[in-house]
Amino acid sequence: MLLGCRGVAYTSDFVVVQNGVKQGGVASPVLVCIYTDDLLLRLADSGVGCFVGFTFVGAVAYADDIVLIAPTPSAMRKLLMICYIYAAEYNIQRRSWPGGSWGPDPFPLRSAGRLV
């Protein structure tokens, strides 16, 4: 399957989708849960992120969206590294990552436009 985005004055390059979940498919919600459940458990078991009492709230998920919440930049980098390792294990790839290529800081974080 080919995937791309089109706007009023912009069309992205198309990419070949080799794995994933078919949007609108009957089994899609179950498959998304299977894919994301293990990731959410890994994030919770890491002990990194935000907690309310003893309840982990460092990764909030709805459908195929996940929000990571961490108290410090170093904690956020640890959560992102868990996600990166998980993606590598399941051959989940992105064409590009925010901030460009993997350099000395693979997860450059910004607050108010400044690197933190």
N, C-alpha and C. Protein backbone atom coordinates (compact mmCIF):
# COMPACT_ATOMS: atom_id res chain seq x y z
N MET A 1 0.84 -1.15 0.00
CA MET A 1 0.00 0.00 0.00
C MET A 1 0.90 1.23 0.00
N LEU A 2 0.51 2.27 -0.73
CA LEU A 2 1.23 3.54 -0.74
C LEU A 2 0.51 4.52 0.17
N LEU A 3 1.29 5.32 0.89
CA LEU A 3 0.73 6.29 1.81
C LEU A 3 1.38 7.63 1.57
N GLY A 4 0.59 8.69 1.54
CA GLY A 4 1.10 10.04 1.38
C GLY A 4 0.07 11.04 1.88
N CYS A 5 0.46 12.30 1.97
CA CYS A 5 -0.44 13.36 2.42
C CYS A 5 -0.54 14.42 1.33
N ARG A 6 -1.73 14.98 1.21
CA ARG A 6 -1.95 16.02 0.21
C ARG A 6 -2.68 17.18 0.86
N GLY A 7 -2.21 18.39 0.63
CA GLY A 7 -2.86 19.60 1.12
C GLY A 7 -3.21 20.49 -0.06
N VAL A 8 -3.62 21.72 0.21
CA VAL A 8 -4.01 22.64 -0.85
C VAL A 8 -2.83 22.94 -1.77
N ALA A 9 -1.67 23.22 -1.19
CA ALA A 9 -0.51 23.59 -2.00
C ALA A 9 0.68 22.66 -1.76
N TYR A 10 0.43 21.48 -1.22
CA TYR A 10 1.54 20.61 -0.87
C TYR A 10 1.14 19.16 -1.03
N THR A 11 2.05 18.36 -1.57
CA THR A 11 1.87 16.92 -1.63
C THR A 11 3.16 16.27 -1.15
N SER A 12 3.04 15.38 -0.19
CA SER A 12 4.22 14.71 0.34
C SER A 12 4.66 13.60 -0.59
N ASP A 13 5.86 13.10 -0.34
CA ASP A 13 6.32 11.91 -1.04
C ASP A 13 5.50 10.72 -0.56
N PHE A 14 5.31 9.76 -1.43
CA PHE A 14 4.60 8.54 -1.03
C PHE A 14 5.60 7.54 -0.46
N VAL A 15 5.16 6.78 0.51
CA VAL A 15 5.98 5.74 1.11
C VAL A 15 5.22 4.43 1.01
N VAL A 16 5.96 3.34 0.92
CA VAL A 16 5.35 2.02 0.88
C VAL A 16 5.15 1.55 2.31
N VAL A 17 3.93 1.17 2.65
CA VAL A 17 3.60 0.66 3.98
C VAL A 17 3.72 -0.85 3.93
N GLN A 18 4.67 -1.39 4.71
CA GLN A 18 4.92 -2.82 4.69
C GLN A 18 4.28 -3.56 5.86
N ASN A 19 3.97 -2.84 6.93
CA ASN A 19 3.27 -3.47 8.05
C ASN A 19 2.41 -2.42 8.71
N GLY A 20 1.50 -2.85 9.55
CA GLY A 20 0.62 -1.92 10.23
C GLY A 20 -0.77 -2.49 10.34
N VAL A 21 -1.69 -1.63 10.67
CA VAL A 21 -3.07 -2.02 10.88
C VAL A 21 -3.93 -1.29 9.87
N LYS A 22 -4.80 -2.01 9.17
CA LYS A 22 -5.67 -1.42 8.16
C LYS A 22 -6.69 -0.51 8.83
N GLN A 23 -6.73 0.74 8.38
CA GLN A 23 -7.69 1.68 8.95
C GLN A 23 -9.10 1.30 8.52
N GLY A 24 -10.00 1.22 9.49
CA GLY A 24 -11.38 0.87 9.20
C GLY A 24 -11.65 -0.62 9.17
N GLY A 25 -10.61 -1.43 9.33
CA GLY A 25 -10.79 -2.88 9.31
C GLY A 25 -11.48 -3.36 10.58
N VAL A 26 -12.20 -4.46 10.48
CA VAL A 26 -12.94 -5.00 11.62
C VAL A 26 -11.99 -5.37 12.77
N ALA A 27 -10.84 -5.92 12.44
CA ALA A 27 -9.90 -6.36 13.48
C ALA A 27 -8.94 -5.25 13.91
N SER A 28 -8.98 -4.10 13.28
CA SER A 28 -8.01 -3.04 13.55
C SER A 28 -7.96 -2.60 15.01
N PRO A 29 -9.08 -2.33 15.68
CA PRO A 29 -8.99 -1.91 17.09
C PRO A 29 -8.32 -2.95 17.98
N VAL A 30 -8.61 -4.21 17.74
CA VAL A 30 -7.99 -5.28 18.54
C VAL A 30 -6.50 -5.34 18.27
N LEU A 31 -6.11 -5.24 17.01
CA LEU A 31 -4.69 -5.31 16.66
C LEU A 31 -3.91 -4.12 17.23
N VAL A 32 -4.52 -2.93 17.21
CA VAL A 32 -3.85 -1.77 17.81
C VAL A 32 -3.65 -2.00 19.30
N CYS A 33 -4.64 -2.56 19.96
CA CYS A 33 -4.50 -2.86 21.40
C CYS A 33 -3.38 -3.86 21.64
N ILE A 34 -3.28 -4.86 20.80
CA ILE A 34 -2.22 -5.86 20.96
C ILE A 34 -0.85 -5.22 20.79
N TYR A 35 -0.71 -4.38 19.76
CA TYR A 35 0.57 -3.71 19.51
C TYR A 35 0.94 -2.77 20.65
N THR A 36 -0.02 -1.99 21.14
CA THR A 36 0.32 -0.95 22.10
C THR A 36 0.34 -1.43 23.55
N ASP A 37 -0.36 -2.51 23.87
CA ASP A 37 -0.43 -2.96 25.25
C ASP A 37 0.95 -3.29 25.81
N ASP A 38 1.75 -4.02 25.05
CA ASP A 38 3.09 -4.38 25.52
C ASP A 38 3.95 -3.13 25.71
N LEU A 39 3.84 -2.17 24.82
CA LEU A 39 4.61 -0.93 24.95
C LEU A 39 4.19 -0.19 26.22
N LEU A 40 2.89 -0.07 26.46
CA LEU A 40 2.42 0.63 27.66
C LEU A 40 2.87 -0.08 28.93
N LEU A 41 2.88 -1.42 28.92
CA LEU A 41 3.37 -2.16 30.08
C LEU A 41 4.85 -1.92 30.31
N ARG A 42 5.63 -1.89 29.24
CA ARG A 42 7.07 -1.62 29.37
C ARG A 42 7.31 -0.23 29.97
N LEU A 43 6.55 0.74 29.48
CA LEU A 43 6.71 2.11 29.99
C LEU A 43 6.35 2.16 31.48
N ALA A 44 5.25 1.52 31.86
CA ALA A 44 4.83 1.51 33.27
C ALA A 44 5.84 0.78 34.14
N ASP A 45 6.36 -0.34 33.67
CA ASP A 45 7.31 -1.14 34.44
C ASP A 45 8.68 -0.47 34.58
N SER A 46 8.95 0.54 33.76
CA SER A 46 10.26 1.20 33.81
C SER A 46 10.45 2.00 35.09
N GLY A 47 9.35 2.40 35.74
CA GLY A 47 9.46 3.22 36.94
C GLY A 47 9.79 4.66 36.65
N VAL A 48 9.81 5.04 35.37
CA VAL A 48 10.13 6.40 34.95
C VAL A 48 8.85 7.05 34.43
N GLY A 49 8.70 8.33 34.68
CA GLY A 49 7.52 9.04 34.21
C GLY A 49 6.75 9.60 35.39
N CYS A 50 5.51 9.94 35.17
CA CYS A 50 4.69 10.55 36.22
C CYS A 50 3.76 9.52 36.84
N PHE A 51 3.53 9.70 38.13
CA PHE A 51 2.66 8.82 38.89
C PHE A 51 1.69 9.67 39.70
N VAL A 52 0.48 9.17 39.86
CA VAL A 52 -0.48 9.72 40.81
C VAL A 52 -0.62 8.64 41.88
N GLY A 53 -0.03 8.90 43.03
CA GLY A 53 0.07 7.84 44.02
C GLY A 53 0.97 6.74 43.47
N PHE A 54 0.44 5.53 43.39
CA PHE A 54 1.19 4.42 42.81
C PHE A 54 0.72 4.09 41.40
N THR A 55 -0.14 4.93 40.84
CA THR A 55 -0.68 4.69 39.50
C THR A 55 0.16 5.42 38.46
N PHE A 56 0.68 4.68 37.50
CA PHE A 56 1.49 5.25 36.43
C PHE A 56 0.61 6.03 35.46
N VAL A 57 0.94 7.29 35.25
CA VAL A 57 0.23 8.13 34.27
C VAL A 57 1.23 8.76 33.30
N GLY A 58 2.36 8.13 33.11
CA GLY A 58 3.41 8.65 32.24
C GLY A 58 3.19 8.36 30.77
N ALA A 59 2.19 7.55 30.44
CA ALA A 59 1.84 7.27 29.05
C ALA A 59 0.32 7.15 28.99
N VAL A 60 -0.29 8.09 28.32
CA VAL A 60 -1.75 8.10 28.16
C VAL A 60 -2.04 7.74 26.71
N ALA A 61 -2.88 6.73 26.51
CA ALA A 61 -3.15 6.24 25.15
C ALA A 61 -4.64 6.29 24.85
N TYR A 62 -4.95 6.65 23.62
CA TYR A 62 -6.32 6.59 23.11
C TYR A 62 -6.21 6.21 21.64
N ALA A 63 -6.79 5.08 21.29
CA ALA A 63 -6.70 4.55 19.92
C ALA A 63 -5.23 4.40 19.56
N ASP A 64 -4.76 5.06 18.50
CA ASP A 64 -3.37 4.90 18.09
C ASP A 64 -2.51 6.10 18.48
N ASP A 65 -2.99 6.92 19.41
CA ASP A 65 -2.22 8.07 19.90
C ASP A 65 -1.72 7.78 21.31
N ILE A 66 -0.46 8.11 21.55
CA ILE A 66 0.12 7.94 22.88
C ILE A 66 0.81 9.24 23.27
N VAL A 67 0.53 9.71 24.48
CA VAL A 67 1.17 10.91 25.02
C VAL A 67 2.08 10.47 26.16
N LEU A 68 3.34 10.87 26.10
CA LEU A 68 4.28 10.56 27.19
C LEU A 68 4.37 11.77 28.11
N ILE A 69 4.34 11.52 29.42
CA ILE A 69 4.41 12.59 30.42
C ILE A 69 5.55 12.25 31.37
N ALA A 70 6.49 13.19 31.50
CA ALA A 70 7.65 12.95 32.36
C ALA A 70 7.99 14.22 33.12
N PRO A 71 8.55 14.08 34.33
CA PRO A 71 8.86 15.26 35.16
C PRO A 71 10.13 16.00 34.76
N THR A 72 11.03 15.32 34.04
CA THR A 72 12.30 15.94 33.66
C THR A 72 12.66 15.54 32.22
N PRO A 73 13.53 16.33 31.57
CA PRO A 73 13.98 15.93 30.23
C PRO A 73 14.67 14.57 30.21
N SER A 74 15.45 14.23 31.25
CA SER A 74 16.13 12.93 31.24
C SER A 74 15.11 11.80 31.38
N ALA A 75 14.05 11.99 32.15
CA ALA A 75 13.01 10.97 32.26
C ALA A 75 12.29 10.80 30.92
N MET A 76 12.04 11.92 30.22
CA MET A 76 11.38 11.83 28.91
C MET A 76 12.27 11.09 27.93
N ARG A 77 13.58 11.34 27.97
CA ARG A 77 14.50 10.63 27.08
C ARG A 77 14.47 9.12 27.34
N LYS A 78 14.36 8.73 28.61
CA LYS A 78 14.28 7.30 28.94
C LYS A 78 13.00 6.68 28.38
N LEU A 79 11.88 7.39 28.51
CA LEU A 79 10.62 6.89 27.96
C LEU A 79 10.70 6.79 26.44
N LEU A 80 11.30 7.80 25.81
CA LEU A 80 11.45 7.77 24.35
C LEU A 80 12.36 6.62 23.91
N MET A 81 13.40 6.33 24.68
CA MET A 81 14.30 5.23 24.34
C MET A 81 13.56 3.89 24.43
N ILE A 82 12.69 3.74 25.43
CA ILE A 82 11.88 2.53 25.52
C ILE A 82 11.01 2.38 24.27
N CYS A 83 10.41 3.48 23.83
CA CYS A 83 9.59 3.45 22.61
C CYS A 83 10.44 3.12 21.38
N TYR A 84 11.64 3.69 21.31
CA TYR A 84 12.52 3.45 20.18
C TYR A 84 12.93 1.98 20.12
N ILE A 85 13.29 1.39 21.25
CA ILE A 85 13.68 -0.02 21.29
C ILE A 85 12.49 -0.90 20.91
N TYR A 86 11.32 -0.58 21.42
CA TYR A 86 10.10 -1.32 21.08
C TYR A 86 9.85 -1.27 19.57
N ALA A 87 9.97 -0.08 19.00
CA ALA A 87 9.76 0.07 17.55
C ALA A 87 10.77 -0.76 16.75
N ALA A 88 12.01 -0.79 17.20
CA ALA A 88 13.04 -1.57 16.50
C ALA A 88 12.73 -3.06 16.58
N GLU A 89 12.23 -3.53 17.73
CA GLU A 89 11.91 -4.95 17.89
C GLU A 89 10.78 -5.39 16.96
N TYR A 90 9.83 -4.48 16.71
CA TYR A 90 8.68 -4.81 15.87
C TYR A 90 8.80 -4.26 14.45
N ASN A 91 9.99 -3.78 14.09
CA ASN A 91 10.25 -3.25 12.76
C ASN A 91 9.29 -2.11 12.40
N ILE A 92 9.01 -1.27 13.39
CA ILE A 92 8.19 -0.08 13.16
C ILE A 92 9.16 1.05 12.86
N GLN A 93 9.00 1.68 11.70
CA GLN A 93 9.96 2.69 11.26
C GLN A 93 9.25 3.98 10.92
N ARG A 94 9.99 5.06 11.06
CA ARG A 94 9.53 6.37 10.60
C ARG A 94 10.54 6.85 9.57
N ARG A 95 10.05 7.61 8.61
CA ARG A 95 10.97 8.17 7.62
C ARG A 95 11.89 9.20 8.24
N SER A 96 11.37 9.99 9.16
CA SER A 96 12.19 11.00 9.81
C SER A 96 11.74 11.16 11.25
N TRP A 97 12.64 11.63 12.07
CA TRP A 97 12.33 11.88 13.48
C TRP A 97 12.42 13.37 13.72
N PRO A 98 11.65 13.89 14.67
CA PRO A 98 11.77 15.32 15.00
C PRO A 98 13.21 15.65 15.35
N GLY A 99 13.71 16.71 14.79
CA GLY A 99 15.08 17.11 15.08
C GLY A 99 16.08 16.55 14.08
N GLY A 100 15.65 15.73 13.13
CA GLY A 100 16.56 15.25 12.10
C GLY A 100 17.16 13.91 12.41
N SER A 101 18.44 13.78 12.11
CA SER A 101 19.11 12.48 12.21
C SER A 101 19.50 12.18 13.66
N TRP A 102 19.89 10.92 13.89
CA TRP A 102 20.34 10.51 15.21
C TRP A 102 21.74 11.03 15.43
N GLY A 103 21.87 12.04 16.26
CA GLY A 103 23.18 12.61 16.58
C GLY A 103 23.56 12.27 17.99
N PRO A 104 24.39 13.12 18.61
CA PRO A 104 24.80 12.87 19.98
C PRO A 104 23.61 12.84 20.94
N ASP A 105 22.58 13.63 20.65
CA ASP A 105 21.36 13.62 21.46
C ASP A 105 20.23 13.12 20.57
N PRO A 106 19.89 11.82 20.65
CA PRO A 106 18.90 11.27 19.73
C PRO A 106 17.49 11.80 19.95
N PHE A 107 17.22 12.39 21.11
CA PHE A 107 15.90 12.92 21.41
C PHE A 107 16.01 14.37 21.87
N PRO A 108 16.28 15.29 20.94
CA PRO A 108 16.41 16.70 21.36
C PRO A 108 15.04 17.21 21.82
N LEU A 109 14.98 17.71 23.04
CA LEU A 109 13.73 18.21 23.61
C LEU A 109 13.78 19.73 23.69
N ARG A 110 12.66 20.36 23.37
CA ARG A 110 12.59 21.81 23.40
C ARG A 110 11.45 22.26 24.30
N SER A 111 11.68 23.38 24.97
CA SER A 111 10.65 24.04 25.75
C SER A 111 10.73 25.52 25.43
N ALA A 112 9.61 26.08 24.97
CA ALA A 112 9.56 27.49 24.55
C ALA A 112 10.61 27.76 23.47
N GLY A 113 10.85 26.78 22.60
CA GLY A 113 11.78 26.95 21.50
C GLY A 113 13.25 26.72 21.84
N ARG A 114 13.57 26.52 23.10
CA ARG A 114 14.95 26.32 23.52
C ARG A 114 15.20 24.86 23.86
N LEU A 115 16.39 24.38 23.51
CA LEU A 115 16.75 23.01 23.87
C LEU A 115 16.88 22.89 25.38
N VAL A 116 16.35 21.78 25.91
CA VAL A 116 16.47 21.54 27.36
C VAL A 116 17.26 20.26 27.59
